[in-house]
Amino acid sequence: MSEILQFIGIAVLAVAVVAIVLKIFKIGMKTILKIVINAAIGIGAIFLINLIPGVMIPINWWTALITGIFGIPGVILVLILSFFI
């Protein structure tokens, strides 16, 4: 259960940091909302992928950033890279 709470905490913190940085650089709310939605979908997809036996994608700043910016294609990229690393 603590792994799920850590997972949610990292996801919320990553989204908050990205939103603050984008607001500092005067990025519009529409763009911020799009990145937040991509991050939520990406983090959810990684969580579901981690339920598959034999597949483990670590949740850290890099995976949260990649999935937040690129969404599902970012999840696929992280999944492919996890097999090579």
Protein backbone atom coordinates (compact mmCIF):
# COMPACT_ATOMS: atom_id res chain seq x y z
CA MET A 1 0.00 0.00 0.00
CA SER A 2 2.86 2.41 0.73
CA GLU A 3 4.17 1.91 -2.82
CA ILE A 4 0.86 3.17 -4.20
CA LEU A 5 0.96 6.21 -1.91
CA GLN A 6 4.54 6.93 -2.96
CA PHE A 7 3.49 6.56 -6.59
CA ILE A 8 0.61 9.02 -6.16
CA GLY A 9 2.80 11.45 -4.22
CA ILE A 10 5.49 11.53 -6.91
CA ALA A 11 2.87 11.99 -9.63
CA VAL A 12 1.18 14.89 -7.83
CA LEU A 13 4.49 16.56 -7.04
CA ALA A 14 5.74 16.19 -10.62
CA VAL A 15 2.54 17.69 -12.03
CA ALA A 16 2.73 20.58 -9.55
CA VAL A 17 6.36 21.34 -10.42
CA VAL A 18 5.62 21.30 -14.15
CA ALA A 19 2.59 23.55 -13.67
CA ILE A 20 4.60 26.06 -11.61
CA VAL A 21 7.45 26.14 -14.13
CA LEU A 22 5.06 26.63 -17.01
CA LYS A 23 3.25 29.40 -15.15
CA ILE A 24 6.58 31.15 -14.49
CA PHE A 25 7.32 31.13 -18.20
CA LYS A 26 3.86 32.55 -18.94
CA ILE A 27 2.53 29.47 -20.68
CA GLY A 28 -1.24 29.52 -21.12
CA MET A 29 -3.65 27.57 -18.94
CA LYS A 30 -4.75 25.48 -21.93
CA THR A 31 -1.20 24.16 -22.37
CA ILE A 32 -0.81 23.56 -18.63
CA LEU A 33 -4.11 21.64 -18.55
CA LYS A 34 -3.01 19.53 -21.53
CA ILE A 35 0.27 18.60 -19.82
CA VAL A 36 -1.51 17.80 -16.55
CA ILE A 37 -3.97 15.51 -18.37
CA ASN A 38 -1.09 13.83 -20.25
CA ALA A 39 0.75 13.31 -16.97
CA ALA A 40 -2.30 11.77 -15.29
CA ILE A 41 -2.92 9.41 -18.22
CA GLY A 42 0.77 8.52 -18.46
CA ILE A 43 1.19 7.84 -14.74
CA GLY A 44 -1.99 5.75 -14.74
CA ALA A 45 -0.71 3.76 -17.72
CA ILE A 46 2.64 3.12 -16.00
CA PHE A 47 0.80 1.99 -12.87
CA LEU A 48 -1.27 -0.48 -14.92
CA ILE A 49 1.81 -1.71 -16.80
CA ASN A 50 3.59 -2.32 -13.47
CA LEU A 51 0.79 -4.73 -12.53
CA ILE A 52 1.96 -7.08 -15.30
CA PRO A 53 4.33 -9.73 -13.87
CA GLY A 54 7.88 -9.35 -15.12
CA VAL A 55 7.52 -5.69 -16.12
CA MET A 56 8.72 -2.98 -13.76
CA ILE A 57 8.99 0.65 -14.77
CA PRO A 58 10.36 2.74 -11.92
CA ILE A 59 8.42 5.87 -11.03
CA ASN A 60 10.89 8.73 -10.76
CA TRP A 61 11.29 12.28 -12.01
CA TRP A 62 12.40 11.24 -15.48
CA THR A 63 9.53 8.85 -16.15
CA ALA A 64 7.02 11.35 -14.76
CA LEU A 65 8.47 14.13 -16.92
CA ILE A 66 8.52 12.03 -20.09
CA THR A 67 4.98 10.77 -19.61
CA GLY A 68 3.78 14.24 -18.64
CA ILE A 69 5.10 15.84 -21.78
CA PHE A 70 4.46 13.06 -24.29
CA GLY A 71 1.55 11.13 -22.72
CA ILE A 72 1.00 7.59 -24.02
CA PRO A 73 3.87 7.74 -26.58
CA GLY A 74 6.11 8.67 -23.63
CA VAL A 75 4.89 5.61 -21.73
CA ILE A 76 5.73 3.43 -24.73
CA LEU A 77 9.19 5.03 -24.94
CA VAL A 78 9.84 4.43 -21.23
CA LEU A 79 8.59 0.84 -21.57
CA ILE A 80 10.95 0.16 -24.48
CA LEU A 81 13.87 1.78 -22.65
CA SER A 82 13.15 -0.28 -19.51
CA PHE A 83 13.83 -3.47 -21.46
CA PHE A 84 17.26 -2.23 -22.55
CA ILE A 85 18.43 -0.80 -19.24
